[in-house]
Protein backbone atom coordinates (compact mmCIF):
# COMPACT_ATOMS: atom_id res chain seq x y z
CA MET A 1 77.19 5.48 51.97
CA ASP A 2 77.02 1.91 52.19
CA ALA A 3 75.62 -0.46 49.59
CA GLN A 4 72.39 -1.04 51.42
CA THR A 5 71.51 2.67 51.40
CA VAL A 6 72.35 2.93 47.71
CA LEU A 7 70.12 -0.10 47.09
CA PHE A 8 67.26 1.46 49.04
CA ILE A 9 67.66 4.76 47.17
CA ALA A 10 67.74 2.90 43.83
CA LEU A 11 64.65 0.93 44.87
CA ALA A 12 62.88 4.14 45.95
CA VAL A 13 63.73 5.87 42.66
CA ALA A 14 62.62 2.77 40.75
CA ALA A 15 59.37 2.72 42.74
CA VAL A 16 58.76 6.42 41.98
CA VAL A 17 59.53 5.88 38.28
CA LEU A 18 57.24 2.83 38.29
CA VAL A 19 54.45 4.84 39.95
CA VAL A 20 54.87 7.70 37.43
CA VAL A 21 54.92 5.34 34.44
CA LEU A 22 52.00 3.35 35.84
CA SER A 23 50.08 6.60 36.47
CA ILE A 24 50.69 7.73 32.88
CA VAL A 25 49.61 4.34 31.54
CA LEU A 26 46.49 4.31 33.73
CA LEU A 27 45.59 7.89 32.67
CA SER A 28 46.01 6.85 29.02
CA ILE A 29 43.82 3.80 29.59
CA ARG A 30 41.25 5.99 31.37
CA ARG A 31 41.18 8.46 28.43
CA ASN A 32 40.76 5.55 26.00
CA VAL A 33 37.96 4.09 28.12
CA ASP A 34 36.28 7.53 28.22
CA ARG A 35 36.54 7.81 24.42
CA ILE A 36 35.14 4.29 24.01
CA THR A 37 32.32 5.16 26.40
CA MET A 38 31.51 8.36 24.46
CA ARG A 39 31.57 6.48 21.16
CA LEU A 40 29.39 3.74 22.62
CA ASP A 41 26.93 6.37 23.91
CA GLU A 42 26.86 8.00 20.48
CA SER A 43 26.36 4.62 18.83
CA LEU A 44 23.51 3.83 21.22
CA ARG A 45 21.92 7.23 20.49
CA GLN A 46 22.23 6.55 16.77
CA PHE A 47 20.72 3.11 17.29
CA GLU A 48 17.82 4.63 19.24
CA MET A 49 17.23 7.20 16.50
CA THR A 50 17.35 4.45 13.87
CA ALA A 51 14.91 2.36 15.91
CA GLU A 52 12.59 5.37 16.20
CA ASP A 53 12.82 5.96 12.45
CA LEU A 54 12.05 2.29 11.86
CA ARG A 55 9.06 2.53 14.19
CA ARG A 56 7.77 5.56 12.28
CA THR A 57 8.42 3.84 8.96
CA ASN A 58 6.63 0.76 10.26
CA ALA A 59 3.65 2.91 11.27
CA VAL A 60 3.59 4.54 7.83
CA ALA A 61 3.92 1.14 6.15
CA ARG A 62 1.04 -0.19 8.23
CA GLU A 63 -1.06 2.81 7.25
CA ILE A 64 -0.21 2.26 3.59
CA LEU A 65 -1.06 -1.44 3.91
CA SER A 66 -4.33 -0.52 5.58
CA ASP A 67 -5.12 1.82 2.68
CA VAL A 68 -4.16 -0.91 0.21
CA GLU A 69 -6.40 -3.39 2.02
CA ARG A 70 -9.28 -0.90 1.86
CA GLY A 71 -8.59 -0.40 -1.84
CA VAL A 72 -8.57 -4.14 -2.45
CA SER A 73 -11.81 -4.44 -0.51
CA ASN A 74 -13.35 -1.68 -2.63
CA VAL A 75 -12.18 -3.34 -5.85
CA THR A 76 -13.58 -6.66 -4.64
CA HIS A 77 -16.88 -4.98 -3.78
CA LEU A 78 -16.93 -3.28 -7.20
CA THR A 79 -16.14 -6.57 -8.93
CA GLU A 80 -18.96 -8.31 -7.07
CA GLY A 81 -21.29 -5.45 -7.99
CA VAL A 82 -20.30 -5.72 -11.65
CA ARG A 83 -20.88 -9.48 -11.52
CA ALA A 84 -24.31 -8.94 -9.98
CA LEU A 85 -25.07 -6.26 -12.58
CA ARG A 86 -23.87 -8.56 -15.33
CA GLY A 87 -26.27 -11.20 -14.06
CA THR A 88 -29.09 -8.63 -14.10
CA VAL A 89 -28.10 -7.50 -17.60
CA ASP A 90 -27.99 -11.14 -18.74
CA VAL A 91 -31.49 -11.69 -17.35
CA ALA A 92 -32.74 -8.50 -19.02
CA THR A 93 -31.13 -9.54 -22.30
CA LYS A 94 -32.77 -12.94 -22.12
CA VAL A 95 -36.13 -11.35 -21.33
CA PHE A 96 -35.65 -8.98 -24.26
CA ASP A 97 -34.63 -11.84 -26.57
CA HIS A 98 -37.43 -14.19 -25.56
CA ALA A 99 -40.34 -11.87 -24.76
CA LEU A 100 -39.88 -8.28 -25.74
CA SER A 101 -38.11 -8.78 -29.05
CA PRO A 102 -40.79 -11.10 -30.48
CA ALA A 103 -43.48 -8.79 -29.12
CA LEU A 104 -41.86 -5.80 -30.86
CA ILE A 105 -41.54 -7.81 -34.05
CA ASN A 106 -45.21 -8.81 -33.80
CA MET A 107 -46.17 -5.19 -33.08
CA GLY A 108 -44.16 -4.08 -36.09
CA SER A 109 -45.82 -6.75 -38.18
CA VAL A 110 -49.26 -5.63 -36.97
CA LEU A 111 -48.43 -2.01 -37.84
CA VAL A 112 -47.16 -2.98 -41.28
CA GLY A 113 -50.22 -5.14 -41.81
CA PHE A 114 -52.50 -2.36 -40.56
CA LYS A 115 -50.80 0.11 -42.90
CA ALA A 116 -51.13 -2.31 -45.81
CA ALA A 117 -54.79 -2.97 -45.00
CA THR A 118 -55.49 0.76 -44.60
CA SER A 119 -53.71 1.49 -47.84
CA HIS A 120 -55.60 -1.26 -49.61
CA ILE A 121 -58.94 -0.05 -48.24
CA LEU A 122 -58.18 3.54 -49.11
CA ASP A 123 -57.11 2.52 -52.58
CA ARG A 124 -60.38 0.67 -53.10
CA PHE A 125 -62.44 3.63 -51.91
CA VAL A 126 -60.44 6.03 -54.00
CA ARG A 127 -60.77 3.80 -57.07
CA LYS A 128 -64.51 3.45 -56.59
CA GLU A 129 -64.84 7.19 -56.45
CA GLU A 130 -62.71 7.52 -59.54
CA ARG A 131 -64.93 5.00 -61.40
CA LYS A 132 -68.07 6.87 -60.58
């Protein structure tokens, strides 16, 4: 065997070893890429589920805010009604103070005066009958 044949055999063995090592390295890289792809898919699925949960939460939050807005509107309406009622009560109180209260006092005075007059008249009639 001459040196050139030994060199070619050494180069062939080196090429085979290089191909085997390179194949092992490429298979390892492929497995790693597959794992990364699976993890990325899982992460994307988790992200989609989180986004769906956020969408549902957002819908619930909007519904709650809608209910709160309706509640605020009802409280505002109630407050305006109480203010209007307070105005009506103030007017009624003023009417009572300025018209009805003096009229009741005058009516009471008339009744007291009528009672006093009736009592006085009855006393006079009763006394006249006692004198006779």
